[in-house]
Amino acid sequence: MHYFDITEPLYTAHENRSIRDWIAKRDDLPSWVVPYELNPADSAFSYGANVLASAAIEADKTDAAYDRGEEIRQAYVDAAVAIGERFRAEGWRAAYIGIPLLAANLATRSIIAGMREADQLWDEQTETLLDSLRRTLWPLVEKAAHPGEVLSIGLALQRRVQQVGVADVRGLMDLIRLGTVDKSRYPVAVMHLLRTIARNDMAISARERRGAVLVEMFEHALD
């Protein structure tokens, strides 16, 4: 299915809040996958969609995916749908569940990549913990794992930050919270991470990095 056939009804359902009516009827959905929102504009879905869309614009400028923005958009919408389908959702409803989780994966990868480029990972232990946190929460691009699986890693990373001090990296503390919060608070933590990224998106280098990371995530779709 073309990504536009997913996103058009999805954005309409989000704006008129009919998607929340569907969520209310799905009491079988795990609490940690339900996108958190205060209102349609201040929501994990809105921030996640923004982060992914802006990254696709930057991806379209890279050597690896030059002028292939449509393919990138198709790939990430397909991945978002695949994430939601694991929880018995279909079509644009599946994408509603998947987009914030996929965007949080992108944000996490980009934060780690930025720290690595700027030599801000402090030491091998910190780098290993960050990579383990990401790989455990997202074992596959098209799969998000239960946050309870990462608690020990998150707490170890939190202690490590307390020991060595916090690097001035936008979103890092929000990222660490993904690994330390209770599953019922995980959707809030996801929204806070995406909000931090979306609302402070002034650095060109950070946007370009997310574009490059998005290409890496979906390079299989561009072959």
C-alpha atoms as a PDB file:
ATOM      1  CA  MET A   1       0.000   0.000   0.000  1.00  0.00           C
ATOM      2  CA  HIS A   2       1.329   3.444  -0.906  1.00  0.00           C
ATOM      3  CA  TYR A   3       2.361   5.429   2.143  1.00  0.00           C
ATOM      4  CA  PHE A   4      -0.056   8.240   1.255  1.00  0.00           C
ATOM      5  CA  ASP A   5      -2.973   5.811   1.633  1.00  0.00           C
ATOM      6  CA  ILE A   6      -1.809   5.273   5.213  1.00  0.00           C
ATOM      7  CA  THR A   7      -0.841   8.801   6.215  1.00  0.00           C
ATOM      8  CA  GLU A   8      -3.849  10.693   4.817  1.00  0.00           C
ATOM      9  CA  PRO A   9      -6.530   8.878   6.890  1.00  0.00           C
ATOM     10  CA  LEU A  10      -4.118   8.675   9.830  1.00  0.00           C
ATOM     11  CA  TYR A  11      -3.578  12.427  10.054  1.00  0.00           C
ATOM     12  CA  THR A  12      -7.330  13.002   9.729  1.00  0.00           C
ATOM     13  CA  ALA A  13      -8.103  10.509  12.510  1.00  0.00           C
ATOM     14  CA  HIS A  14      -5.445  12.086  14.700  1.00  0.00           C
ATOM     15  CA  GLU A  15      -6.741  15.614  14.186  1.00  0.00           C
ATOM     16  CA  ASN A  16     -10.391  14.750  14.823  1.00  0.00           C
ATOM     17  CA  ARG A  17      -9.339  12.404  17.649  1.00  0.00           C
ATOM     18  CA  SER A  18     -11.269   9.442  16.292  1.00  0.00           C
ATOM     19  CA  ILE A  19      -8.052   7.437  16.659  1.00  0.00           C
ATOM     20  CA  ARG A  20      -8.322   7.873  20.417  1.00  0.00           C
ATOM     21  CA  ASP A  21     -11.824   6.419  20.291  1.00  0.00           C
ATOM     22  CA  TRP A  22     -10.331   3.346  18.650  1.00  0.00           C
ATOM     23  CA  ILE A  23      -7.569   3.213  21.289  1.00  0.00           C
ATOM     24  CA  ALA A  24     -10.199   3.364  24.054  1.00  0.00           C
ATOM     25  CA  LYS A  25     -11.891   0.281  22.619  1.00  0.00           C
ATOM     26  CA  ARG A  26      -8.617  -1.649  22.390  1.00  0.00           C
ATOM     27  CA  ASP A  27      -8.203  -2.577  26.024  1.00  0.00           C
ATOM     28  CA  ASP A  28      -6.022  -5.490  24.900  1.00  0.00           C
ATOM     29  CA  LEU A  29      -3.235  -3.149  23.776  1.00  0.00           C
ATOM     30  CA  PRO A  30      -0.198  -3.170  26.088  1.00  0.00           C
ATOM     31  CA  SER A  31      -0.007   0.166  27.883  1.00  0.00           C
ATOM     32  CA  TRP A  32       3.569   0.764  26.758  1.00  0.00           C
ATOM     33  CA  VAL A  33       2.663   0.905  23.050  1.00  0.00           C
ATOM     34  CA  VAL A  34      -0.215   3.405  23.324  1.00  0.00           C
ATOM     35  CA  PRO A  35       1.071   6.801  22.120  1.00  0.00           C
ATOM     36  CA  TYR A  36       0.863   9.430  24.849  1.00  0.00           C
ATOM     37  CA  GLU A  37      -0.710  12.780  24.147  1.00  0.00           C
ATOM     38  CA  LEU A  38      -1.931  15.887  25.945  1.00  0.00           C
ATOM     39  CA  ASN A  39      -3.640  17.135  22.799  1.00  0.00           C
ATOM     40  CA  PRO A  40      -3.192  16.447  19.075  1.00  0.00           C
ATOM     41  CA  ALA A  41      -0.387  18.992  18.745  1.00  0.00           C
ATOM     42  CA  ASP A  42       1.398  17.981  21.953  1.00  0.00           C
ATOM     43  CA  SER A  43       1.586  14.253  21.378  1.00  0.00           C
ATOM     44  CA  ALA A  44       4.034  11.445  20.771  1.00  0.00           C
ATOM     45  CA  PHE A  45       2.486  10.848  17.362  1.00  0.00           C
ATOM     46  CA  SER A  46       2.840  14.469  16.219  1.00  0.00           C
ATOM     47  CA  TYR A  47       6.428  14.746  17.391  1.00  0.00           C
ATOM     48  CA  GLY A  48       7.307  11.345  15.977  1.00  0.00           C
ATOM     49  CA  ALA A  49       5.788  12.140  12.595  1.00  0.00           C
ATOM     50  CA  ASN A  50       7.690  15.438  12.563  1.00  0.00           C
ATOM     51  CA  VAL A  51      11.027  13.814  13.395  1.00  0.00           C
ATOM     52  CA  LEU A  52      10.611  11.144  10.721  1.00  0.00           C
ATOM     53  CA  ALA A  53       9.393  13.559   8.034  1.00  0.00           C
ATOM     54  CA  SER A  54      12.231  16.027   8.608  1.00  0.00           C
ATOM     55  CA  ALA A  55      14.759  13.182   8.562  1.00  0.00           C
ATOM     56  CA  ALA A  56      13.343  11.988   5.231  1.00  0.00           C
ATOM     57  CA  ILE A  57      13.911  15.448   3.765  1.00  0.00           C
ATOM     58  CA  GLU A  58      17.547  15.306   4.848  1.00  0.00           C
ATOM     59  CA  ALA A  59      17.906  11.691   3.686  1.00  0.00           C
ATOM     60  CA  ASP A  60      16.854  12.795   0.215  1.00  0.00           C
ATOM     61  CA  LYS A  61      19.987  14.986   0.069  1.00  0.00           C
ATOM     62  CA  THR A  62      22.503  12.283   0.980  1.00  0.00           C
ATOM     63  CA  ASP A  63      24.714  10.562  -1.572  1.00  0.00           C
ATOM     64  CA  ALA A  64      23.291   7.173  -0.614  1.00  0.00           C
ATOM     65  CA  ALA A  65      19.662   8.173  -1.142  1.00  0.00           C
ATOM     66  CA  TYR A  66      19.813  11.262  -3.336  1.00  0.00           C
ATOM     67  CA  ASP A  67      16.413  12.064  -4.831  1.00  0.00           C
ATOM     68  CA  ARG A  68      14.914   8.914  -3.303  1.00  0.00           C
ATOM     69  CA  GLY A  69      12.813  10.587  -0.645  1.00  0.00           C
ATOM     70  CA  GLU A  70       9.647   8.830  -1.755  1.00  0.00           C
ATOM     71  CA  GLU A  71      11.272   5.450  -1.234  1.00  0.00           C
ATOM     72  CA  ILE A  72      12.489   6.476   2.218  1.00  0.00           C
ATOM     73  CA  ARG A  73       9.003   7.667   3.201  1.00  0.00           C
ATOM     74  CA  GLN A  74       7.487   4.437   1.926  1.00  0.00           C
ATOM     75  CA  ALA A  75      10.044   2.418   3.881  1.00  0.00           C
ATOM     76  CA  TYR A  76       9.499   4.135   7.210  1.00  0.00           C
ATOM     77  CA  VAL A  77       5.713   4.078   6.924  1.00  0.00           C
ATOM     78  CA  ASP A  78       5.895   0.360   6.107  1.00  0.00           C
ATOM     79  CA  ALA A  79       8.111  -0.158   9.154  1.00  0.00           C
ATOM     80  CA  ALA A  80       5.714   1.783  11.393  1.00  0.00           C
ATOM     81  CA  VAL A  81       2.834  -0.357  10.163  1.00  0.00           C
ATOM     82  CA  ALA A  82       4.866  -3.513  10.830  1.00  0.00           C
ATOM     83  CA  ILE A  83       5.491  -2.399  14.410  1.00  0.00           C
ATOM     84  CA  GLY A  84       1.781  -1.814  14.996  1.00  0.00           C
ATOM     85  CA  GLU A  85       0.771  -5.064  13.339  1.00  0.00           C
ATOM     86  CA  ARG A  86       2.562  -6.959  16.081  1.00  0.00           C
ATOM     87  CA  PHE A  87      -0.202  -5.703  18.378  1.00  0.00           C
ATOM     88  CA  ARG A  88      -3.098  -6.741  16.135  1.00  0.00           C
ATOM     89  CA  ALA A  89      -3.588  -3.344  14.527  1.00  0.00           C
ATOM     90  CA  GLU A  90      -3.923  -2.831  10.791  1.00  0.00           C
ATOM     91  CA  GLY A  91      -3.224  -0.126   8.218  1.00  0.00           C
ATOM     92  CA  TRP A  92      -3.134   3.435   9.447  1.00  0.00           C
ATOM     93  CA  ARG A  93      -4.099   2.344  12.965  1.00  0.00           C
ATOM     94  CA  ALA A  94      -0.973   0.199  13.056  1.00  0.00           C
ATOM     95  CA  ALA A  95       1.066   3.176  11.840  1.00  0.00           C
ATOM     96  CA  TYR A  96      -0.338   5.303  14.676  1.00  0.00           C
ATOM     97  CA  ILE A  97       1.163   2.884  17.179  1.00  0.00           C
ATOM     98  CA  GLY A  98       4.378   2.413  15.233  1.00  0.00           C
ATOM     99  CA  ILE A  99       5.367   5.954  14.292  1.00  0.00           C
ATOM    100  CA  PRO A 100       6.347   7.212  17.789  1.00  0.00           C
ATOM    101  CA  LEU A 101       8.284   4.015  18.551  1.00  0.00           C
ATOM    102  CA  LEU A 102      10.077   4.098  15.197  1.00  0.00           C
ATOM    103  CA  ALA A 103      10.885   7.792  15.620  1.00  0.00           C
ATOM    104  CA  ALA A 104      12.264   7.124  19.111  1.00  0.00           C
ATOM    105  CA  ASN A 105      14.520   4.476  17.573  1.00  0.00           C
ATOM    106  CA  LEU A 106      15.751   7.028  15.031  1.00  0.00           C
ATOM    107  CA  ALA A 107      16.282   9.641  17.749  1.00  0.00           C
ATOM    108  CA  THR A 108      18.214   7.166  19.897  1.00  0.00           C
ATOM    109  CA  ARG A 109      20.466   6.073  17.044  1.00  0.00           C
ATOM    110  CA  SER A 110      21.093   9.712  16.099  1.00  0.00           C
ATOM    111  CA  ILE A 111      21.989  10.780  19.651  1.00  0.00           C
ATOM    112  CA  ILE A 112      24.476   7.929  19.939  1.00  0.00           C
ATOM    113  CA  ALA A 113      25.911   8.679  16.489  1.00  0.00           C
ATOM    114  CA  GLY A 114      26.317  12.349  17.388  1.00  0.00           C
ATOM    115  CA  MET A 115      28.078  11.511  20.633  1.00  0.00           C
ATOM    116  CA  ARG A 116      30.375   9.110  18.809  1.00  0.00           C
ATOM    117  CA  GLU A 117      31.268  11.754  16.211  1.00  0.00           C
ATOM    118  CA  ALA A 118      31.963  14.356  18.900  1.00  0.00           C
ATOM    119  CA  ASP A 119      33.953  11.944  21.060  1.00  0.00           C
ATOM    120  CA  GLN A 120      31.435  12.348  23.893  1.00  0.00           C
ATOM    121  CA  LEU A 121      30.916   8.670  24.693  1.00  0.00           C
ATOM    122  CA  TRP A 122      33.473   8.958  27.518  1.00  0.00           C
ATOM    123  CA  ASP A 123      34.591   5.345  27.443  1.00  0.00           C
ATOM    124  CA  GLU A 124      33.888   1.877  26.085  1.00  0.00           C
ATOM    125  CA  GLN A 125      31.561   1.002  28.963  1.00  0.00           C
ATOM    126  CA  THR A 126      29.277   3.957  28.287  1.00  0.00           C
ATOM    127  CA  GLU A 127      29.217   3.237  24.558  1.00  0.00           C
ATOM    128  CA  THR A 128      28.394  -0.420  25.204  1.00  0.00           C
ATOM    129  CA  LEU A 129      25.550   0.478  27.562  1.00  0.00           C
ATOM    130  CA  LEU A 130      24.021   2.948  25.107  1.00  0.00           C
ATOM    131  CA  ASP A 131      24.235   0.478  22.232  1.00  0.00           C
ATOM    132  CA  SER A 132      22.762  -2.272  24.429  1.00  0.00           C
ATOM    133  CA  LEU A 133      19.883  -0.015  25.442  1.00  0.00           C
ATOM    134  CA  ARG A 134      19.074   0.719  21.823  1.00  0.00           C
ATOM    135  CA  ARG A 135      19.443  -2.848  20.580  1.00  0.00           C
ATOM    136  CA  THR A 136      17.284  -4.216  23.389  1.00  0.00           C
ATOM    137  CA  LEU A 137      14.469  -1.706  22.923  1.00  0.00           C
ATOM    138  CA  TRP A 138      14.577  -2.128  19.133  1.00  0.00           C
ATOM    139  CA  PRO A 139      15.949  -5.560  18.191  1.00  0.00           C
ATOM    140  CA  LEU A 140      14.833  -4.859  14.618  1.00  0.00           C
ATOM    141  CA  VAL A 141      13.907  -1.672  12.783  1.00  0.00           C
ATOM    142  CA  GLU A 142      10.394  -3.109  12.405  1.00  0.00           C
ATOM    143  CA  LYS A 143      10.121  -4.285  16.005  1.00  0.00           C
ATOM    144  CA  ALA A 144       9.872  -2.549  19.386  1.00  0.00           C
ATOM    145  CA  ALA A 145      10.493  -4.609  22.528  1.00  0.00           C
ATOM    146  CA  HIS A 146       8.892  -4.460  25.960  1.00  0.00           C
ATOM    147  CA  PRO A 147      10.721  -1.767  27.988  1.00  0.00           C
ATOM    148  CA  GLY A 148      10.976  -4.053  31.001  1.00  0.00           C
ATOM    149  CA  GLU A 149      13.683  -5.943  29.116  1.00  0.00           C
ATOM    150  CA  VAL A 150      16.022  -2.970  29.379  1.00  0.00           C
ATOM    151  CA  LEU A 151      15.661  -1.906  33.023  1.00  0.00           C
ATOM    152  CA  SER A 152      18.998  -3.300  34.219  1.00  0.00           C
ATOM    153  CA  ILE A 153      20.794  -1.631  31.305  1.00  0.00           C
ATOM    154  CA  GLY A 154      19.019   1.673  31.899  1.00  0.00           C
ATOM    155  CA  LEU A 155      19.869   1.718  35.591  1.00  0.00           C
ATOM    156  CA  ALA A 156      23.515   0.871  34.866  1.00  0.00           C
ATOM    157  CA  LEU A 157      23.656   3.688  32.317  1.00  0.00           C
ATOM    158  CA  GLN A 158      22.049   6.095  34.774  1.00  0.00           C
ATOM    159  CA  ARG A 159      24.688   5.218  37.388  1.00  0.00           C
ATOM    160  CA  ARG A 160      27.428   5.646  34.802  1.00  0.00           C
ATOM    161  CA  VAL A 161      26.209   9.140  33.938  1.00  0.00           C
ATOM    162  CA  GLN A 162      26.136  10.049  37.618  1.00  0.00           C
ATOM    163  CA  GLN A 163      29.729   8.849  37.963  1.00  0.00           C
ATOM    164  CA  VAL A 164      31.263  10.638  34.997  1.00  0.00           C
ATOM    165  CA  GLY A 165      28.947  13.640  34.607  1.00  0.00           C
ATOM    166  CA  VAL A 166      26.439  14.385  31.896  1.00  0.00           C
ATOM    167  CA  ALA A 167      27.648  15.431  28.474  1.00  0.00           C
ATOM    168  CA  ASP A 168      25.840  18.423  27.024  1.00  0.00           C
ATOM    169  CA  VAL A 169      23.926  16.312  24.534  1.00  0.00           C
ATOM    170  CA  ARG A 170      20.357  17.212  23.653  1.00  0.00           C
ATOM    171  CA  GLY A 171      18.008  14.340  24.413  1.00  0.00           C
ATOM    172  CA  LEU A 172      20.508  12.162  26.274  1.00  0.00           C
ATOM    173  CA  MET A 173      18.732  12.243  29.625  1.00  0.00           C
ATOM    174  CA  ASP A 174      15.392  11.659  27.904  1.00  0.00           C
ATOM    175  CA  LEU A 175      16.975   8.666  26.184  1.00  0.00           C
ATOM    176  CA  ILE A 176      18.255   7.247  29.465  1.00  0.00           C
ATOM    177  CA  ARG A 177      14.769   7.549  30.976  1.00  0.00           C
ATOM    178  CA  LEU A 178      13.490   5.102  28.362  1.00  0.00           C
ATOM    179  CA  GLY A 179      15.535   2.506  30.203  1.00  0.00           C
ATOM    180  CA  THR A 180      14.518   3.385  33.747  1.00  0.00           C
ATOM    181  CA  VAL A 181      10.803   4.168  33.784  1.00  0.00           C
ATOM    182  CA  ASP A 182       7.986   1.774  34.599  1.00  0.00           C
ATOM    183  CA  LYS A 183       6.206   0.370  31.536  1.00  0.00           C
ATOM    184  CA  SER A 184       3.130   2.491  32.309  1.00  0.00           C
ATOM    185  CA  ARG A 185       5.286   5.632  32.070  1.00  0.00           C
ATOM    186  CA  TYR A 186       7.184   4.508  28.993  1.00  0.00           C
ATOM    187  CA  PRO A 187       4.828   6.256  26.516  1.00  0.00           C
ATOM    188  CA  VAL A 188       5.374   9.521  28.401  1.00  0.00           C
ATOM    189  CA  ALA A 189       9.143   9.033  28.231  1.00  0.00           C
ATOM    190  CA  VAL A 190       8.919   8.370  24.498  1.00  0.00           C
ATOM    191  CA  MET A 191       6.952  11.581  23.989  1.00  0.00           C
ATOM    192  CA  HIS A 192       9.414  13.611  26.076  1.00  0.00           C
ATOM    193  CA  LEU A 193      12.330  12.333  23.982  1.00  0.00           C
ATOM    194  CA  LEU A 194      10.573  13.134  20.706  1.00  0.00           C
ATOM    195  CA  ARG A 195       9.410  16.516  21.987  1.00  0.00           C
ATOM    196  CA  THR A 196      12.975  17.426  22.968  1.00  0.00           C
ATOM    197  CA  ILE A 197      14.204  16.552  19.488  1.00  0.00           C
ATOM    198  CA  ALA A 198      11.324  18.127  17.553  1.00  0.00           C
ATOM    199  CA  ARG A 199      11.187  21.378  19.532  1.00  0.00           C
ATOM    200  CA  ASN A 200      14.935  21.981  19.477  1.00  0.00           C
ATOM    201  CA  ASP A 201      15.626  21.162  15.864  1.00  0.00           C
ATOM    202  CA  MET A 202      17.758  24.175  15.026  1.00  0.00           C
ATOM    203  CA  ALA A 203      21.142  22.561  14.429  1.00  0.00           C
ATOM    204  CA  ILE A 204      21.652  21.733  10.763  1.00  0.00           C
ATOM    205  CA  SER A 205      24.236  19.092  11.658  1.00  0.00           C
ATOM    206  CA  ALA A 206      21.763  17.255  13.892  1.00  0.00           C
ATOM    207  CA  ARG A 207      19.095  17.223  11.181  1.00  0.00           C
ATOM    208  CA  GLU A 208      21.586  16.027   8.584  1.00  0.00           C
ATOM    209  CA  ARG A 209      22.750  13.296  10.940  1.00  0.00           C
ATOM    210  CA  ARG A 210      19.194  12.037  11.440  1.00  0.00           C
ATOM    211  CA  GLY A 211      18.793  11.940   7.680  1.00  0.00           C
ATOM    212  CA  ALA A 212      21.935   9.838   7.316  1.00  0.00           C
ATOM    213  CA  VAL A 213      20.860   7.538  10.138  1.00  0.00           C
ATOM    214  CA  LEU A 214      17.440   7.096   8.540  1.00  0.00           C
ATOM    215  CA  VAL A 215      19.154   6.003   5.327  1.00  0.00           C
ATOM    216  CA  GLU A 216      21.219   3.480   7.294  1.00  0.00           C
ATOM    217  CA  MET A 217      18.069   2.115   8.936  1.00  0.00           C
ATOM    218  CA  PHE A 218      16.415   1.517   5.571  1.00  0.00           C
ATOM    219  CA  GLU A 219      19.339   0.852   3.274  1.00  0.00           C
ATOM    220  CA  HIS A 220      17.862  -2.601   2.583  1.00  0.00           C
ATOM    221  CA  ALA A 221      14.811  -0.895   1.061  1.00  0.00           C
ATOM    222  CA  LEU A 222      16.997   1.163  -1.284  1.00  0.00           C
ATOM    223  CA  ASP A 223      18.964  -1.744  -2.751  1.00  0.00           C
END
